[in-house]
C-alpha cells in the first residue's frame, strides 16, 4: 500500500473533522475520526517496521506475526478508504 492512500485518508479525515461541529453529535464524530486516525497510524508504523527488518530476521515467528498485523491493518485501511470512493 502506498503513502498516497494514507495521505488521501488523512485529508478526508481532516475534512470530516472540520465538519464535525455541524453534525448532530460532534463528540461522537470526533471520537470516530480519532479511532480511524489510530488505525491509519498503526498501519503506517507497522508497515515501516516490516520494511526495516532484514537478514536472518525475515524468517522468525516475530517477523511473520508483524507481517500478519501489517496485512490485517492494511485491509482495515483500504476498507476505511471505501467510504470516500466518491471522491
PDB file of N, CA and C in Angstrom:
ATOM      1  N   UNK A   1       0.860  -1.169   0.000  1.00  0.00           N
ATOM      2  CA  UNK A   1       0.000   0.000   0.000  1.00  0.00           C
ATOM      3  C   UNK A   1       0.898   1.221   0.000  1.00  0.00           C
ATOM      4  N   UNK A   2       0.485   2.214  -0.717  1.00  0.00           N
ATOM      5  CA  UNK A   2       1.326   3.385  -0.838  1.00  0.00           C
ATOM      6  C   UNK A   2       0.979   4.444   0.197  1.00  0.00           C
ATOM      7  N   UNK A   3       1.898   5.378   0.319  1.00  0.00           N
ATOM      8  CA  UNK A   3       1.644   6.526   1.177  1.00  0.00           C
ATOM      9  C   UNK A   3       0.538   7.405   0.625  1.00  0.00           C
ATOM     10  N   UNK A   4       0.239   7.241  -0.677  1.00  0.00           N
ATOM     11  CA  UNK A   4      -0.831   8.034  -1.288  1.00  0.00           C
ATOM     12  C   UNK A   4      -2.175   7.753  -0.622  1.00  0.00           C
ATOM     13  N   UNK A   5      -2.450   6.496  -0.340  1.00  0.00           N
ATOM     14  CA  UNK A   5      -3.724   6.155   0.297  1.00  0.00           C
ATOM     15  C   UNK A   5      -3.778   6.715   1.713  1.00  0.00           C
ATOM     16  N   UNK A   6      -2.672   6.654   2.416  1.00  0.00           N
ATOM     17  CA  UNK A   6      -2.626   7.215   3.773  1.00  0.00           C
ATOM     18  C   UNK A   6      -2.837   8.724   3.722  1.00  0.00           C
ATOM     19  N   UNK A   7      -2.182   9.395   2.777  1.00  0.00           N
ATOM     20  CA  UNK A   7      -2.358  10.845   2.635  1.00  0.00           C
ATOM     21  C   UNK A   7      -3.806  11.173   2.265  1.00  0.00           C
ATOM     22  N   UNK A   8      -4.390  10.372   1.371  1.00  0.00           N
ATOM     23  CA  UNK A   8      -5.780  10.569   0.975  1.00  0.00           C
ATOM     24  C   UNK A   8      -6.706  10.454   2.182  1.00  0.00           C
ATOM     25  N   UNK A   9      -6.522   9.392   2.968  1.00  0.00           N
ATOM     26  CA  UNK A   9      -7.368   9.188   4.146  1.00  0.00           C
ATOM     27  C   UNK A   9      -7.186  10.305   5.170  1.00  0.00           C
ATOM     28  N   UNK A  10      -5.956  10.704   5.403  1.00  0.00           N
ATOM     29  CA  UNK A  10      -5.727  11.783   6.367  1.00  0.00           C
ATOM     30  C   UNK A  10      -6.393  13.082   5.913  1.00  0.00           C
ATOM     31  N   UNK A  11      -6.371  13.359   4.611  1.00  0.00           N
ATOM     32  CA  UNK A  11      -7.029  14.560   4.085  1.00  0.00           C
ATOM     33  C   UNK A  11      -8.547  14.471   4.272  1.00  0.00           C
ATOM     34  N   UNK A  12      -9.125  13.286   4.015  1.00  0.00           N
ATOM     35  CA  UNK A  12     -10.576  13.120   4.194  1.00  0.00           C
ATOM     36  C   UNK A  12     -10.940  13.244   5.674  1.00  0.00           C
ATOM     37  N   UNK A  13     -10.109  12.693   6.548  1.00  0.00           N
ATOM     38  CA  UNK A  13     -10.384  12.788   7.979  1.00  0.00           C
ATOM     39  C   UNK A  13     -10.274  14.230   8.454  1.00  0.00           C
ATOM     40  N   UNK A  14      -9.337  14.990   7.886  1.00  0.00           N
ATOM     41  CA  UNK A  14      -9.254  16.425   8.203  1.00  0.00           C
ATOM     42  C   UNK A  14     -10.559  17.132   7.815  1.00  0.00           C
ATOM     43  N   UNK A  15     -11.084  16.804   6.629  1.00  0.00           N
ATOM     44  CA  UNK A  15     -12.352  17.394   6.181  1.00  0.00           C
ATOM     45  C   UNK A  15     -13.492  17.013   7.120  1.00  0.00           C
ATOM     46  N   UNK A  16     -13.533  15.742   7.494  1.00  0.00           N
ATOM     47  CA  UNK A  16     -14.580  15.293   8.412  1.00  0.00           C
ATOM     48  C   UNK A  16     -14.482  16.024   9.752  1.00  0.00           C
ATOM     49  N   UNK A  17     -13.261  16.217  10.202  1.00  0.00           N
ATOM     50  CA  UNK A  17     -13.050  16.911  11.474  1.00  0.00           C
ATOM     51  C   UNK A  17     -13.530  18.359  11.386  1.00  0.00           C
ATOM     52  N   UNK A  18     -13.252  19.003  10.257  1.00  0.00           N
ATOM     53  CA  UNK A  18     -13.703  20.386  10.069  1.00  0.00           C
ATOM     54  C   UNK A  18     -15.225  20.486  10.067  1.00  0.00           C
ATOM     55  N   UNK A  19     -15.897  19.447   9.569  1.00  0.00           N
ATOM     56  CA  UNK A  19     -17.352  19.453   9.507  1.00  0.00           C
ATOM     57  C   UNK A  19     -18.037  18.920  10.749  1.00  0.00           C
ATOM     58  N   UNK A  20     -17.279  18.418  11.695  1.00  0.00           N
ATOM     59  CA  UNK A  20     -17.865  17.804  12.894  1.00  0.00           C
ATOM     60  C   UNK A  20     -18.793  18.745  13.669  1.00  0.00           C
ATOM     61  N   UNK A  21     -18.436  20.025  13.825  1.00  0.00           N
ATOM     62  CA  UNK A  21     -19.336  20.893  14.610  1.00  0.00           C
ATOM     63  C   UNK A  21     -20.746  21.021  14.029  1.00  0.00           C
ATOM     64  N   UNK A  22     -20.911  20.756  12.749  1.00  0.00           N
ATOM     65  CA  UNK A  22     -22.233  20.855  12.124  1.00  0.00           C
ATOM     66  C   UNK A  22     -23.044  19.559  12.253  1.00  0.00           C
ATOM     67  N   UNK A  23     -22.443  18.522  12.801  1.00  0.00           N
ATOM     68  CA  UNK A  23     -23.119  17.233  12.935  1.00  0.00           C
ATOM     69  C   UNK A  23     -23.983  17.217  14.200  1.00  0.00           C
ATOM     70  N   UNK A  24     -25.041  16.379  14.210  1.00  0.00           N
ATOM     71  CA  UNK A  24     -25.909  16.300  15.397  1.00  0.00           C
ATOM     72  C   UNK A  24     -25.166  15.910  16.678  1.00  0.00           C
ATOM     73  N   UNK A  25     -24.146  15.066  16.545  1.00  0.00           N
ATOM     74  CA  UNK A  25     -23.370  14.642  17.712  1.00  0.00           C
ATOM     75  C   UNK A  25     -21.887  14.809  17.409  1.00  0.00           C
ATOM     76  N   UNK A  26     -21.385  16.042  17.490  1.00  0.00           N
ATOM     77  CA  UNK A  26     -19.992  16.294  17.120  1.00  0.00           C
ATOM     78  C   UNK A  26     -18.977  15.490  17.932  1.00  0.00           C
ATOM     79  N   UNK A  27     -19.263  15.235  19.187  1.00  0.00           N
ATOM     80  CA  UNK A  27     -18.318  14.487  20.020  1.00  0.00           C
ATOM     81  C   UNK A  27     -18.149  13.061  19.495  1.00  0.00           C
ATOM     82  N   UNK A  28     -19.250  12.428  19.070  1.00  0.00           N
ATOM     83  CA  UNK A  28     -19.166  11.080  18.520  1.00  0.00           C
ATOM     84  C   UNK A  28     -18.380  11.081  17.213  1.00  0.00           C
ATOM     85  N   UNK A  29     -18.625  12.080  16.377  1.00  0.00           N
ATOM     86  CA  UNK A  29     -17.908  12.189  15.106  1.00  0.00           C
ATOM     87  C   UNK A  29     -16.405  12.324  15.363  1.00  0.00           C
ATOM     88  N   UNK A  30     -16.036  13.136  16.327  1.00  0.00           N
ATOM     89  CA  UNK A  30     -14.616  13.323  16.639  1.00  0.00           C
ATOM     90  C   UNK A  30     -13.994  12.044  17.207  1.00  0.00           C
ATOM     91  N   UNK A  31     -14.747  11.291  18.005  1.00  0.00           N
ATOM     92  CA  UNK A  31     -14.233  10.008  18.516  1.00  0.00           C
ATOM     93  C   UNK A  31     -14.020   9.015  17.371  1.00  0.00           C
ATOM     94  N   UNK A  32     -14.954   9.009  16.434  1.00  0.00           N
ATOM     95  CA  UNK A  32     -14.824   8.115  15.273  1.00  0.00           C
ATOM     96  C   UNK A  32     -13.604   8.498  14.432  1.00  0.00           C
ATOM     97  N   UNK A  33     -13.406   9.773  14.218  1.00  0.00           N
ATOM     98  CA  UNK A  33     -12.239  10.245  13.460  1.00  0.00           C
ATOM     99  C   UNK A  33     -10.954   9.860  14.183  1.00  0.00           C
ATOM    100  N   UNK A  34     -10.919  10.024  15.495  1.00  0.00           N
ATOM    101  CA  UNK A  34      -9.727   9.660  16.273  1.00  0.00           C
ATOM    102  C   UNK A  34      -9.439   8.163  16.150  1.00  0.00           C
ATOM    103  N   UNK A  35     -10.477   7.339  16.178  1.00  0.00           N
ATOM    104  CA  UNK A  35     -10.286   5.891  16.043  1.00  0.00           C
ATOM    105  C   UNK A  35      -9.740   5.551  14.657  1.00  0.00           C
ATOM    106  N   UNK A  36     -10.279   6.187  13.628  1.00  0.00           N
ATOM    107  CA  UNK A  36      -9.795   5.942  12.269  1.00  0.00           C
ATOM    108  C   UNK A  36      -8.341   6.384  12.118  1.00  0.00           C
ATOM    109  N   UNK A  37      -8.011   7.535  12.704  1.00  0.00           N
ATOM    110  CA  UNK A  37      -6.615   8.004  12.637  1.00  0.00           C
ATOM    111  C   UNK A  37      -5.678   7.009  13.317  1.00  0.00           C
ATOM    112  N   UNK A  38      -6.130   6.417  14.403  1.00  0.00           N
ATOM    113  CA  UNK A  38      -5.311   5.439  15.127  1.00  0.00           C
ATOM    114  C   UNK A  38      -5.053   4.204  14.255  1.00  0.00           C
ATOM    115  N   UNK A  39      -6.084   3.744  13.542  1.00  0.00           N
ATOM    116  CA  UNK A  39      -5.910   2.600  12.646  1.00  0.00           C
ATOM    117  C   UNK A  39      -4.906   2.927  11.553  1.00  0.00           C
ATOM    118  N   UNK A  40      -5.058   4.105  10.942  1.00  0.00           N
ATOM    119  CA  UNK A  40      -4.142   4.520   9.866  1.00  0.00           C
ATOM    120  C   UNK A  40      -2.718   4.627  10.407  1.00  0.00           C
ATOM    121  N   UNK A  41      -2.559   5.231  11.575  1.00  0.00           N
ATOM    122  CA  UNK A  41      -1.217   5.394  12.135  1.00  0.00           C
ATOM    123  C   UNK A  41      -0.614   4.058  12.553  1.00  0.00           C
ATOM    124  N   UNK A  42      -1.417   3.182  13.125  1.00  0.00           N
ATOM    125  CA  UNK A  42      -0.911   1.843  13.486  1.00  0.00           C
ATOM    126  C   UNK A  42      -0.431   1.105  12.244  1.00  0.00           C
ATOM    127  N   UNK A  43      -1.178   1.239  11.152  1.00  0.00           N
ATOM    128  CA  UNK A  43      -0.748   0.612   9.898  1.00  0.00           C
ATOM    129  C   UNK A  43       0.584   1.204   9.436  1.00  0.00           C
ATOM    130  N   UNK A  44       0.687   2.528   9.457  1.00  0.00           N
ATOM    131  CA  UNK A  44       1.907   3.192   8.996  1.00  0.00           C
ATOM    132  C   UNK A  44       3.120   2.737   9.798  1.00  0.00           C
ATOM    133  N   UNK A  45       2.990   2.683  11.106  1.00  0.00           N
ATOM    134  CA  UNK A  45       4.092   2.277  11.981  1.00  0.00           C
ATOM    135  C   UNK A  45       4.450   0.806  11.752  1.00  0.00           C
ATOM    136  N   UNK A  46       3.444  -0.055  11.658  1.00  0.00           N
ATOM    137  CA  UNK A  46       3.689  -1.483  11.464  1.00  0.00           C
ATOM    138  C   UNK A  46       4.314  -1.759  10.100  1.00  0.00           C
ATOM    139  N   UNK A  47       3.820  -1.077   9.059  1.00  0.00           N
ATOM    140  CA  UNK A  47       4.377  -1.267   7.714  1.00  0.00           C
ATOM    141  C   UNK A  47       5.839  -0.825   7.678  1.00  0.00           C
ATOM    142  N   UNK A  48       6.159   0.269   8.354  1.00  0.00           N
ATOM    143  CA  UNK A  48       7.549   0.732   8.398  1.00  0.00           C
ATOM    144  C   UNK A  48       8.424  -0.273   9.139  1.00  0.00           C
ATOM    145  N   UNK A  49       7.927  -0.839  10.219  1.00  0.00           N
ATOM    146  CA  UNK A  49       8.703  -1.830  10.977  1.00  0.00           C
ATOM    147  C   UNK A  49       8.969  -3.069  10.132  1.00  0.00           C
ATOM    148  N   UNK A  50       7.978  -3.508   9.362  1.00  0.00           N
ATOM    149  CA  UNK A  50       8.168  -4.680   8.499  1.00  0.00           C
ATOM    150  C   UNK A  50       9.214  -4.375   7.428  1.00  0.00           C
ATOM    151  N   UNK A  51       9.162  -3.185   6.859  1.00  0.00           N
ATOM    152  CA  UNK A  51      10.146  -2.797   5.831  1.00  0.00           C
ATOM    153  C   UNK A  51      11.570  -2.758   6.381  1.00  0.00           C
ATOM    154  N   UNK A  52      11.704  -2.434   7.663  1.00  0.00           N
ATOM    155  CA  UNK A  52      13.033  -2.277   8.263  1.00  0.00           C
ATOM    156  C   UNK A  52      13.694  -3.592   8.649  1.00  0.00           C
ATOM    157  N   UNK A  53      12.956  -4.684   8.630  1.00  0.00           N
ATOM    158  CA  UNK A  53      13.514  -5.991   9.000  1.00  0.00           C
ATOM    159  C   UNK A  53      14.366  -6.516   7.844  1.00  0.00           C
ATOM    160  N   UNK A  54      15.561  -6.987   8.165  1.00  0.00           N
ATOM    161  CA  UNK A  54      16.467  -7.503   7.134  1.00  0.00           C
ATOM    162  C   UNK A  54      17.140  -8.782   7.605  1.00  0.00           C
ATOM    163  N   UNK A  55      17.811  -9.436   6.686  1.00  0.00           N
ATOM    164  CA  UNK A  55      18.663 -10.573   7.005  1.00  0.00           C
ATOM    165  C   UNK A  55      17.930 -11.753   7.602  1.00  0.00           C
ATOM    166  N   UNK A  56      18.551 -12.345   8.595  1.00  0.00           N
ATOM    167  CA  UNK A  56      18.019 -13.569   9.181  1.00  0.00           C
ATOM    168  C   UNK A  56      16.721 -13.336   9.943  1.00  0.00           C
ATOM    169  N   UNK A  57      16.421 -12.086  10.277  1.00  0.00           N
ATOM    170  CA  UNK A  57      15.183 -11.786  10.995  1.00  0.00           C
ATOM    171  C   UNK A  57      13.943 -12.021  10.142  1.00  0.00           C
ATOM    172  N   UNK A  58      14.140 -12.194   8.836  1.00  0.00           N
ATOM    173  CA  UNK A  58      12.997 -12.381   7.939  1.00  0.00           C
ATOM    174  C   UNK A  58      12.307 -13.724   8.132  1.00  0.00           C
ATOM    175  N   UNK A  59      12.977 -14.665   8.759  1.00  0.00           N
ATOM    176  CA  UNK A  59      12.391 -15.992   8.919  1.00  0.00           C
ATOM    177  C   UNK A  59      12.184 -16.323  10.396  1.00  0.00           C
ATOM    178  N   UNK A  60      11.581 -15.388  11.105  1.00  0.00           N
ATOM    179  CA  UNK A  60      11.305 -15.611  12.524  1.00  0.00           C
ATOM    180  C   UNK A  60       9.803 -15.504  12.773  1.00  0.00           C
ATOM    181  N   UNK A  61       9.319 -16.160  13.808  1.00  0.00           N
ATOM    182  CA  UNK A  61       7.896 -16.041  14.130  1.00  0.00           C
ATOM    183  C   UNK A  61       7.475 -14.585  14.388  1.00  0.00           C
ATOM    184  N   UNK A  62       8.357 -13.819  15.017  1.00  0.00           N
ATOM    185  CA  UNK A  62       8.036 -12.413  15.290  1.00  0.00           C
ATOM    186  C   UNK A  62       7.820 -11.614  14.016  1.00  0.00           C
ATOM    187  N   UNK A  63       8.670 -11.863  13.017  1.00  0.00           N
ATOM    188  CA  UNK A  63       8.536 -11.153  11.749  1.00  0.00           C
ATOM    189  C   UNK A  63       7.240 -11.556  11.052  1.00  0.00           C
ATOM    190  N   UNK A  64       6.952 -12.859  11.051  1.00  0.00           N
ATOM    191  CA  UNK A  64       5.728 -13.319  10.390  1.00  0.00           C
ATOM    192  C   UNK A  64       4.489 -12.766  11.099  1.00  0.00           C
ATOM    193  N   UNK A  65       4.546 -12.672  12.398  1.00  0.00           N
ATOM    194  CA  UNK A  65       3.446 -12.079  13.152  1.00  0.00           C
ATOM    195  C   UNK A  65       3.279 -10.605  12.797  1.00  0.00           C
ATOM    196  N   UNK A  66       4.407  -9.902  12.700  1.00  0.00           N
ATOM    197  CA  UNK A  66       4.373  -8.490  12.346  1.00  0.00           C
ATOM    198  C   UNK A  66       3.784  -8.299  10.948  1.00  0.00           C
ATOM    199  N   UNK A  67       4.181  -9.168  10.006  1.00  0.00           N
ATOM    200  CA  UNK A  67       3.628  -9.097   8.647  1.00  0.00           C
ATOM    201  C   UNK A  67       2.127  -9.344   8.660  1.00  0.00           C
ATOM    202  N   UNK A  68       1.688 -10.290   9.476  1.00  0.00           N
ATOM    203  CA  UNK A  68       0.251 -10.557   9.582  1.00  0.00           C
ATOM    204  C   UNK A  68      -0.501  -9.350  10.115  1.00  0.00           C
ATOM    205  N   UNK A  69       0.083  -8.690  11.105  1.00  0.00           N
ATOM    206  CA  UNK A  69      -0.525  -7.474  11.645  1.00  0.00           C
ATOM    207  C   UNK A  69      -0.588  -6.375  10.605  1.00  0.00           C
ATOM    208  N   UNK A  70       0.502  -6.228   9.854  1.00  0.00           N
ATOM    209  CA  UNK A  70       0.522  -5.216   8.787  1.00  0.00           C
ATOM    210  C   UNK A  70      -0.559  -5.507   7.753  1.00  0.00           C
ATOM    211  N   UNK A  71      -0.681  -6.762   7.366  1.00  0.00           N
ATOM    212  CA  UNK A  71      -1.663  -7.124   6.351  1.00  0.00           C
ATOM    213  C   UNK A  71      -3.091  -6.883   6.848  1.00  0.00           C
ATOM    214  N   UNK A  72      -3.359  -7.222   8.104  1.00  0.00           N
ATOM    215  CA  UNK A  72      -4.696  -7.006   8.660  1.00  0.00           C
ATOM    216  C   UNK A  72      -5.013  -5.515   8.755  1.00  0.00           C
ATOM    217  N   UNK A  73      -4.047  -4.741   9.242  1.00  0.00           N
ATOM    218  CA  UNK A  73      -4.268  -3.297   9.323  1.00  0.00           C
ATOM    219  C   UNK A  73      -4.411  -2.685   7.936  1.00  0.00           C
ATOM    220  N   UNK A  74      -3.652  -3.205   6.969  1.00  0.00           N
ATOM    221  CA  UNK A  74      -3.771  -2.716   5.595  1.00  0.00           C
ATOM    222  C   UNK A  74      -5.167  -2.952   5.047  1.00  0.00           C
ATOM    223  N   UNK A  75      -5.752  -4.098   5.357  1.00  0.00           N
ATOM    224  CA  UNK A  75      -7.132  -4.367   4.942  1.00  0.00           C
ATOM    225  C   UNK A  75      -8.089  -3.368   5.577  1.00  0.00           C
ATOM    226  N   UNK A  76      -7.874  -3.071   6.841  1.00  0.00           N
ATOM    227  CA  UNK A  76      -8.725  -2.098   7.532  1.00  0.00           C
ATOM    228  C   UNK A  76      -8.608  -0.717   6.888  1.00  0.00           C
ATOM    229  N   UNK A  77      -7.389  -0.309   6.569  1.00  0.00           N
ATOM    230  CA  UNK A  77      -7.177   0.999   5.953  1.00  0.00           C
ATOM    231  C   UNK A  77      -7.869   1.070   4.595  1.00  0.00           C
ATOM    232  N   UNK A  78      -7.752   0.017   3.803  1.00  0.00           N
ATOM    233  CA  UNK A  78      -8.433   0.005   2.500  1.00  0.00           C
ATOM    234  C   UNK A  78      -9.946   0.076   2.677  1.00  0.00           C
ATOM    235  N   UNK A  79     -10.476  -0.613   3.682  1.00  0.00           N
ATOM    236  CA  UNK A  79     -11.917  -0.545   3.941  1.00  0.00           C
ATOM    237  C   UNK A  79     -12.335   0.857   4.390  1.00  0.00           C
ATOM    238  N   UNK A  80     -11.519   1.496   5.212  1.00  0.00           N
ATOM    239  CA  UNK A  80     -11.827   2.868   5.616  1.00  0.00           C
ATOM    240  C   UNK A  80     -11.899   3.792   4.401  1.00  0.00           C
ATOM    241  N   UNK A  81     -11.037   3.568   3.426  1.00  0.00           N
ATOM    242  CA  UNK A  81     -10.993   4.405   2.226  1.00  0.00           C
ATOM    243  C   UNK A  81     -12.236   4.231   1.369  1.00  0.00           C
ATOM    244  N   UNK A  82     -12.896   3.075   1.434  1.00  0.00           N
ATOM    245  CA  UNK A  82     -14.062   2.852   0.575  1.00  0.00           C
ATOM    246  C   UNK A  82     -15.206   3.821   0.887  1.00  0.00           C
ATOM    247  N   UNK A  83     -15.247   4.338   2.091  1.00  0.00           N
ATOM    248  CA  UNK A  83     -16.272   5.315   2.451  1.00  0.00           C
ATOM    249  C   UNK A  83     -16.161   6.555   1.573  1.00  0.00           C
ATOM    250  N   UNK A  84     -14.971   6.842   1.124  1.00  0.00           N
ATOM    251  CA  UNK A  84     -14.711   8.058   0.343  1.00  0.00           C
ATOM    252  C   UNK A  84     -14.552   7.754  -1.154  1.00  0.00           C
ATOM    253  N   UNK A  85     -15.102   6.656  -1.616  1.00  0.00           N
ATOM    254  CA  UNK A  85     -14.910   6.240  -3.012  1.00  0.00           C
ATOM    255  C   UNK A  85     -15.529   7.205  -4.019  1.00  0.00           C
ATOM    256  N   UNK A  86     -16.384   8.099  -3.562  1.00  0.00           N
ATOM    257  CA  UNK A  86     -16.977   9.072  -4.469  1.00  0.00           C
ATOM    258  C   UNK A  86     -16.096  10.291  -4.705  1.00  0.00           C
ATOM    259  N   UNK A  87     -14.899  10.277  -4.155  1.00  0.00           N
ATOM    260  CA  UNK A  87     -14.010  11.440  -4.307  1.00  0.00           C
ATOM    261  C   UNK A  87     -12.817  11.105  -5.142  1.00  0.00           C
TER     262      UNK A  87
END
